[in-house]
Amino acid sequence: MLGFAHAYFVLGLRHAEGWVGYGTHIHAARYGQLATVGSPIRLECRATQVRRIRGSIYVRYSFRFEQGPRRRRDGTEQRRLGPVPTSPRISYGPSRFPAARSMAAPRKLPG
């Protein structure tokens, strides 16, 4: 969500205008103890590198999550932000999974 907030408020990229973002690489991640309920958590997100390549924006973020004097998580990761693809929808055929089949168009019952 911190990367989303950066894209929305700082870079001005809006989903309604056709922009989406995907995490592409986790370069480093360190997890401390789990956070506790009730105490505030300080979340820090820094864009350490922003590049535009062929209509997309690649951002490398540094994250730090702290609760009181303890560090709960820190790391770096990369995101790709770009326009929603306009290619036609790809069909992979009928699903093997019953839940996915039940969401498909209703089938006629025999008889």
N, C-alpha and C. Protein backbone atom coordinates (compact mmCIF):
# COMPACT_ATOMS: atom_id res chain seq x y z
N MET A 1 0.82 -1.19 0.00
CA MET A 1 0.00 0.00 0.00
C MET A 1 0.86 1.26 0.00
N LEU A 2 2.05 1.19 0.56
CA LEU A 2 2.90 2.38 0.56
C LEU A 2 3.35 2.73 -0.85
N GLY A 3 3.67 1.71 -1.65
CA GLY A 3 4.03 1.95 -3.05
C GLY A 3 2.85 2.51 -3.83
N PHE A 4 1.64 2.04 -3.53
CA PHE A 4 0.45 2.56 -4.17
C PHE A 4 0.25 4.03 -3.81
N ALA A 5 0.43 4.37 -2.54
CA ALA A 5 0.28 5.76 -2.10
C ALA A 5 1.31 6.65 -2.82
N HIS A 6 2.54 6.19 -2.97
CA HIS A 6 3.56 6.95 -3.68
C HIS A 6 3.15 7.17 -5.14
N ALA A 7 2.70 6.10 -5.80
CA ALA A 7 2.29 6.22 -7.20
C ALA A 7 1.12 7.19 -7.35
N TYR A 8 0.18 7.14 -6.44
CA TYR A 8 -1.02 7.97 -6.53
C TYR A 8 -0.75 9.43 -6.19
N PHE A 9 -0.14 9.67 -5.03
CA PHE A 9 0.01 11.05 -4.56
C PHE A 9 1.24 11.76 -5.09
N VAL A 10 2.33 11.04 -5.31
CA VAL A 10 3.57 11.70 -5.74
C VAL A 10 3.72 11.66 -7.26
N LEU A 11 3.53 10.48 -7.85
CA LEU A 11 3.70 10.36 -9.30
C LEU A 11 2.44 10.73 -10.07
N GLY A 12 1.30 10.80 -9.39
CA GLY A 12 0.05 11.21 -10.04
C GLY A 12 -0.56 10.15 -10.94
N LEU A 13 -0.26 8.88 -10.69
CA LEU A 13 -0.77 7.78 -11.51
C LEU A 13 -2.08 7.29 -10.92
N ARG A 14 -3.14 7.26 -11.72
CA ARG A 14 -4.46 6.90 -11.24
C ARG A 14 -4.96 5.63 -11.92
N HIS A 15 -5.55 4.73 -11.14
CA HIS A 15 -6.15 3.52 -11.71
C HIS A 15 -7.26 3.90 -12.69
N ALA A 16 -8.03 4.92 -12.35
CA ALA A 16 -9.14 5.33 -13.21
C ALA A 16 -8.65 5.80 -14.58
N GLU A 17 -7.39 6.19 -14.67
CA GLU A 17 -6.82 6.63 -15.94
C GLU A 17 -6.05 5.51 -16.62
N GLY A 18 -6.13 4.29 -16.06
CA GLY A 18 -5.54 3.14 -16.72
C GLY A 18 -4.16 2.72 -16.25
N TRP A 19 -3.73 3.14 -15.07
CA TRP A 19 -2.41 2.76 -14.56
C TRP A 19 -2.54 1.64 -13.54
N VAL A 20 -1.64 0.66 -13.62
CA VAL A 20 -1.59 -0.42 -12.64
C VAL A 20 -0.14 -0.62 -12.22
N GLY A 21 0.06 -1.29 -11.08
CA GLY A 21 1.42 -1.53 -10.59
C GLY A 21 1.59 -2.96 -10.14
N TYR A 22 2.77 -3.50 -10.37
CA TYR A 22 3.09 -4.87 -9.98
C TYR A 22 4.45 -4.89 -9.31
N GLY A 23 4.58 -5.64 -8.22
CA GLY A 23 5.89 -5.86 -7.63
C GLY A 23 6.67 -6.81 -8.53
N THR A 24 7.91 -6.48 -8.84
CA THR A 24 8.67 -7.33 -9.75
C THR A 24 9.81 -8.06 -9.06
N HIS A 25 10.47 -7.43 -8.10
CA HIS A 25 11.60 -8.07 -7.42
C HIS A 25 11.65 -7.64 -5.96
N ILE A 26 11.90 -8.59 -5.09
CA ILE A 26 12.24 -8.27 -3.70
C ILE A 26 13.75 -8.44 -3.62
N HIS A 27 14.44 -7.34 -3.43
CA HIS A 27 15.91 -7.37 -3.41
C HIS A 27 16.45 -7.77 -2.05
N ALA A 28 15.77 -7.34 -1.00
CA ALA A 28 16.21 -7.68 0.36
C ALA A 28 14.99 -7.56 1.27
N ALA A 29 14.90 -8.42 2.24
CA ALA A 29 13.82 -8.34 3.22
C ALA A 29 14.30 -8.93 4.53
N ARG A 30 14.12 -8.18 5.59
CA ARG A 30 14.44 -8.65 6.93
C ARG A 30 13.21 -8.48 7.79
N TYR A 31 12.82 -9.54 8.44
CA TYR A 31 11.65 -9.50 9.31
C TYR A 31 12.09 -9.68 10.74
N GLY A 32 11.70 -8.73 11.58
CA GLY A 32 11.96 -8.84 13.01
C GLY A 32 10.80 -9.57 13.66
N GLN A 33 10.43 -9.15 14.83
CA GLN A 33 9.29 -9.75 15.52
C GLN A 33 7.99 -9.25 14.90
N LEU A 34 6.93 -10.01 15.13
CA LEU A 34 5.61 -9.56 14.68
C LEU A 34 5.20 -8.32 15.46
N ALA A 35 4.42 -7.47 14.81
CA ALA A 35 3.91 -6.27 15.48
C ALA A 35 2.86 -6.68 16.51
N THR A 36 2.69 -5.86 17.53
CA THR A 36 1.70 -6.13 18.56
C THR A 36 0.48 -5.25 18.33
N VAL A 37 -0.66 -5.69 18.79
CA VAL A 37 -1.90 -4.93 18.65
C VAL A 37 -1.92 -3.80 19.67
N GLY A 38 -2.35 -2.63 19.23
CA GLY A 38 -2.53 -1.51 20.16
C GLY A 38 -1.50 -0.41 20.04
N SER A 39 -0.27 -0.74 19.76
CA SER A 39 0.76 0.29 19.64
C SER A 39 0.86 0.78 18.20
N PRO A 40 1.10 2.09 18.02
CA PRO A 40 1.22 2.61 16.65
C PRO A 40 2.44 2.05 15.94
N ILE A 41 2.33 1.92 14.62
CA ILE A 41 3.43 1.44 13.79
C ILE A 41 3.86 2.58 12.88
N ARG A 42 5.14 2.81 12.79
CA ARG A 42 5.68 3.84 11.89
C ARG A 42 6.11 3.14 10.61
N LEU A 43 5.52 3.57 9.48
CA LEU A 43 5.82 2.99 8.18
C LEU A 43 6.57 4.02 7.35
N GLU A 44 7.70 3.62 6.79
CA GLU A 44 8.50 4.53 5.98
C GLU A 44 8.74 3.89 4.61
N CYS A 45 8.51 4.66 3.58
CA CYS A 45 8.73 4.20 2.21
C CYS A 45 9.50 5.29 1.48
N ARG A 46 10.64 4.93 0.90
CA ARG A 46 11.44 5.89 0.14
C ARG A 46 11.64 5.35 -1.27
N ALA A 47 11.37 6.20 -2.25
CA ALA A 47 11.68 5.83 -3.64
C ALA A 47 13.16 6.16 -3.85
N THR A 48 13.98 5.13 -3.97
CA THR A 48 15.42 5.35 -4.11
C THR A 48 15.85 5.46 -5.56
N GLN A 49 15.00 4.98 -6.47
CA GLN A 49 15.30 5.07 -7.91
C GLN A 49 13.99 5.07 -8.68
N VAL A 50 13.84 6.01 -9.61
CA VAL A 50 12.66 6.08 -10.47
C VAL A 50 13.15 6.19 -11.91
N ARG A 51 12.72 5.22 -12.75
CA ARG A 51 13.15 5.23 -14.16
C ARG A 51 11.94 5.05 -15.06
N ARG A 52 11.95 5.74 -16.20
CA ARG A 52 10.93 5.57 -17.23
C ARG A 52 11.54 4.78 -18.37
N ILE A 53 10.90 3.65 -18.70
CA ILE A 53 11.38 2.79 -19.78
C ILE A 53 10.18 2.38 -20.63
N ARG A 54 10.17 2.75 -21.90
CA ARG A 54 9.13 2.36 -22.86
C ARG A 54 7.71 2.51 -22.33
N GLY A 55 7.36 3.65 -21.80
CA GLY A 55 6.00 3.89 -21.35
C GLY A 55 5.66 3.39 -19.96
N SER A 56 6.59 2.70 -19.32
CA SER A 56 6.37 2.23 -17.95
C SER A 56 7.31 2.96 -17.00
N ILE A 57 6.98 2.92 -15.74
CA ILE A 57 7.81 3.54 -14.71
C ILE A 57 8.26 2.43 -13.77
N TYR A 58 9.55 2.35 -13.52
CA TYR A 58 10.12 1.37 -12.60
C TYR A 58 10.62 2.11 -11.37
N VAL A 59 10.17 1.70 -10.21
CA VAL A 59 10.53 2.37 -8.97
C VAL A 59 11.14 1.34 -8.02
N ARG A 60 12.26 1.70 -7.45
CA ARG A 60 12.86 0.86 -6.40
C ARG A 60 12.60 1.55 -5.07
N TYR A 61 12.02 0.79 -4.15
CA TYR A 61 11.62 1.33 -2.85
C TYR A 61 12.46 0.73 -1.74
N SER A 62 12.67 1.54 -0.72
CA SER A 62 13.25 1.09 0.52
C SER A 62 12.16 1.23 1.58
N PHE A 63 11.88 0.15 2.31
CA PHE A 63 10.83 0.15 3.31
C PHE A 63 11.41 -0.05 4.71
N ARG A 64 10.76 0.55 5.69
CA ARG A 64 11.10 0.32 7.10
C ARG A 64 9.82 0.42 7.91
N PHE A 65 9.55 -0.61 8.71
CA PHE A 65 8.39 -0.64 9.60
C PHE A 65 8.91 -0.74 11.02
N GLU A 66 8.52 0.21 11.85
CA GLU A 66 8.96 0.21 13.25
C GLU A 66 7.77 0.33 14.17
N GLN A 67 7.90 -0.29 15.33
CA GLN A 67 6.89 -0.17 16.38
C GLN A 67 7.64 0.08 17.67
N GLY A 68 7.51 1.31 18.18
CA GLY A 68 8.30 1.69 19.35
C GLY A 68 9.78 1.67 18.97
N PRO A 69 10.64 1.14 19.84
CA PRO A 69 12.07 1.11 19.50
C PRO A 69 12.46 -0.08 18.61
N ARG A 70 11.52 -0.96 18.31
CA ARG A 70 11.86 -2.18 17.57
C ARG A 70 11.55 -2.06 16.08
N ARG A 71 12.48 -2.54 15.28
CA ARG A 71 12.26 -2.62 13.84
C ARG A 71 11.53 -3.92 13.55
N ARG A 72 10.42 -3.84 12.86
CA ARG A 72 9.60 -5.02 12.55
C ARG A 72 9.91 -5.59 11.17
N ARG A 73 10.21 -4.71 10.20
CA ARG A 73 10.53 -5.18 8.86
C ARG A 73 11.30 -4.08 8.15
N ASP A 74 12.26 -4.48 7.33
CA ASP A 74 12.87 -3.54 6.40
C ASP A 74 13.32 -4.30 5.17
N GLY A 75 13.49 -3.58 4.09
CA GLY A 75 13.90 -4.22 2.85
C GLY A 75 13.79 -3.29 1.67
N THR A 76 14.14 -3.81 0.52
CA THR A 76 14.02 -3.07 -0.72
C THR A 76 13.33 -3.94 -1.76
N GLU A 77 12.52 -3.31 -2.58
CA GLU A 77 11.85 -4.03 -3.65
C GLU A 77 11.59 -3.10 -4.82
N GLN A 78 11.26 -3.69 -5.95
CA GLN A 78 11.06 -2.93 -7.18
C GLN A 78 9.64 -3.15 -7.67
N ARG A 79 9.04 -2.10 -8.24
CA ARG A 79 7.70 -2.15 -8.80
C ARG A 79 7.71 -1.62 -10.22
N ARG A 80 6.85 -2.20 -11.05
CA ARG A 80 6.63 -1.69 -12.40
C ARG A 80 5.25 -1.06 -12.42
N LEU A 81 5.17 0.17 -12.85
CA LEU A 81 3.91 0.88 -12.98
C LEU A 81 3.72 1.17 -14.46
N GLY A 82 2.58 0.81 -14.99
CA GLY A 82 2.36 1.03 -16.41
C GLY A 82 0.90 1.04 -16.77
N PRO A 83 0.63 1.38 -18.02
CA PRO A 83 -0.76 1.39 -18.47
C PRO A 83 -1.33 -0.02 -18.51
N VAL A 84 -2.63 -0.13 -18.31
CA VAL A 84 -3.31 -1.41 -18.38
C VAL A 84 -3.17 -1.95 -19.80
N PRO A 85 -2.76 -3.20 -19.97
CA PRO A 85 -2.66 -3.76 -21.32
C PRO A 85 -4.02 -3.77 -22.01
N THR A 86 -4.05 -3.46 -23.29
CA THR A 86 -5.31 -3.42 -24.03
C THR A 86 -5.44 -4.62 -24.97
N SER A 87 -4.62 -5.63 -24.78
CA SER A 87 -4.68 -6.81 -25.64
C SER A 87 -5.98 -7.56 -25.37
N PRO A 88 -6.46 -8.34 -26.36
CA PRO A 88 -7.69 -9.09 -26.15
C PRO A 88 -7.53 -10.11 -25.04
N ARG A 89 -8.62 -10.47 -24.42
CA ARG A 89 -8.61 -11.43 -23.32
C ARG A 89 -8.20 -12.81 -23.85
N ILE A 90 -7.36 -13.47 -23.12
CA ILE A 90 -6.86 -14.78 -23.52
C ILE A 90 -7.68 -15.85 -22.80
N SER A 91 -8.14 -16.84 -23.54
CA SER A 91 -8.88 -17.94 -22.95
C SER A 91 -7.99 -19.17 -22.91
N TYR A 92 -7.90 -19.80 -21.79
CA TYR A 92 -7.08 -21.00 -21.64
C TYR A 92 -7.93 -22.26 -21.64
N GLY A 93 -9.17 -22.17 -22.08
CA GLY A 93 -10.04 -23.34 -22.13
C GLY A 93 -10.74 -23.56 -20.81
N PRO A 94 -11.52 -24.64 -20.72
CA PRO A 94 -12.28 -24.91 -19.49
C PRO A 94 -11.34 -25.22 -18.33
N SER A 95 -11.74 -24.80 -17.18
CA SER A 95 -10.93 -25.01 -15.99
C SER A 95 -11.15 -26.41 -15.44
N ARG A 96 -10.11 -26.94 -14.80
CA ARG A 96 -10.21 -28.24 -14.13
C ARG A 96 -10.79 -28.09 -12.74
N PHE A 97 -10.94 -26.87 -12.27
CA PHE A 97 -11.35 -26.64 -10.90
C PHE A 97 -12.85 -26.33 -10.84
N PRO A 98 -13.63 -27.05 -10.02
CA PRO A 98 -15.07 -26.85 -9.98
C PRO A 98 -15.48 -25.43 -9.63
N ALA A 99 -14.78 -24.76 -8.72
CA ALA A 99 -15.16 -23.39 -8.33
C ALA A 99 -15.06 -22.46 -9.53
N ALA A 100 -14.04 -22.62 -10.34
CA ALA A 100 -13.88 -21.76 -11.51
C ALA A 100 -14.96 -22.07 -12.54
N ARG A 101 -15.34 -23.34 -12.68
CA ARG A 101 -16.39 -23.70 -13.64
C ARG A 101 -17.72 -23.13 -13.21
N SER A 102 -17.98 -23.07 -11.90
CA SER A 102 -19.27 -22.59 -11.44
C SER A 102 -19.44 -21.11 -11.71
N MET A 103 -18.35 -20.36 -11.88
CA MET A 103 -18.44 -18.94 -12.17
C MET A 103 -18.59 -18.67 -13.66
N ALA A 104 -18.41 -19.69 -14.47
CA ALA A 104 -18.54 -19.54 -15.91
C ALA A 104 -20.02 -19.45 -16.29
N ALA A 105 -20.28 -19.28 -17.58
CA ALA A 105 -21.66 -19.20 -18.05
C ALA A 105 -22.40 -20.48 -17.67
N PRO A 106 -23.70 -20.36 -17.32
CA PRO A 106 -24.45 -21.55 -16.92
C PRO A 106 -24.57 -22.53 -18.09
N ARG A 107 -24.52 -23.81 -17.77
CA ARG A 107 -24.65 -24.85 -18.77
C ARG A 107 -26.09 -25.38 -18.78
N LYS A 108 -26.51 -25.83 -19.95
CA LYS A 108 -27.85 -26.42 -20.04
C LYS A 108 -27.80 -27.84 -19.47
N LEU A 109 -28.80 -28.18 -18.73
CA LEU A 109 -28.89 -29.53 -18.16
C LEU A 109 -29.42 -30.48 -19.21
N PRO A 110 -28.94 -31.73 -19.23
CA PRO A 110 -29.46 -32.67 -20.21
C PRO A 110 -30.92 -33.00 -19.95
N GLY A 111 -31.65 -33.28 -21.05
CA GLY A 111 -33.03 -33.75 -20.90
C GLY A 111 -34.07 -32.78 -21.15
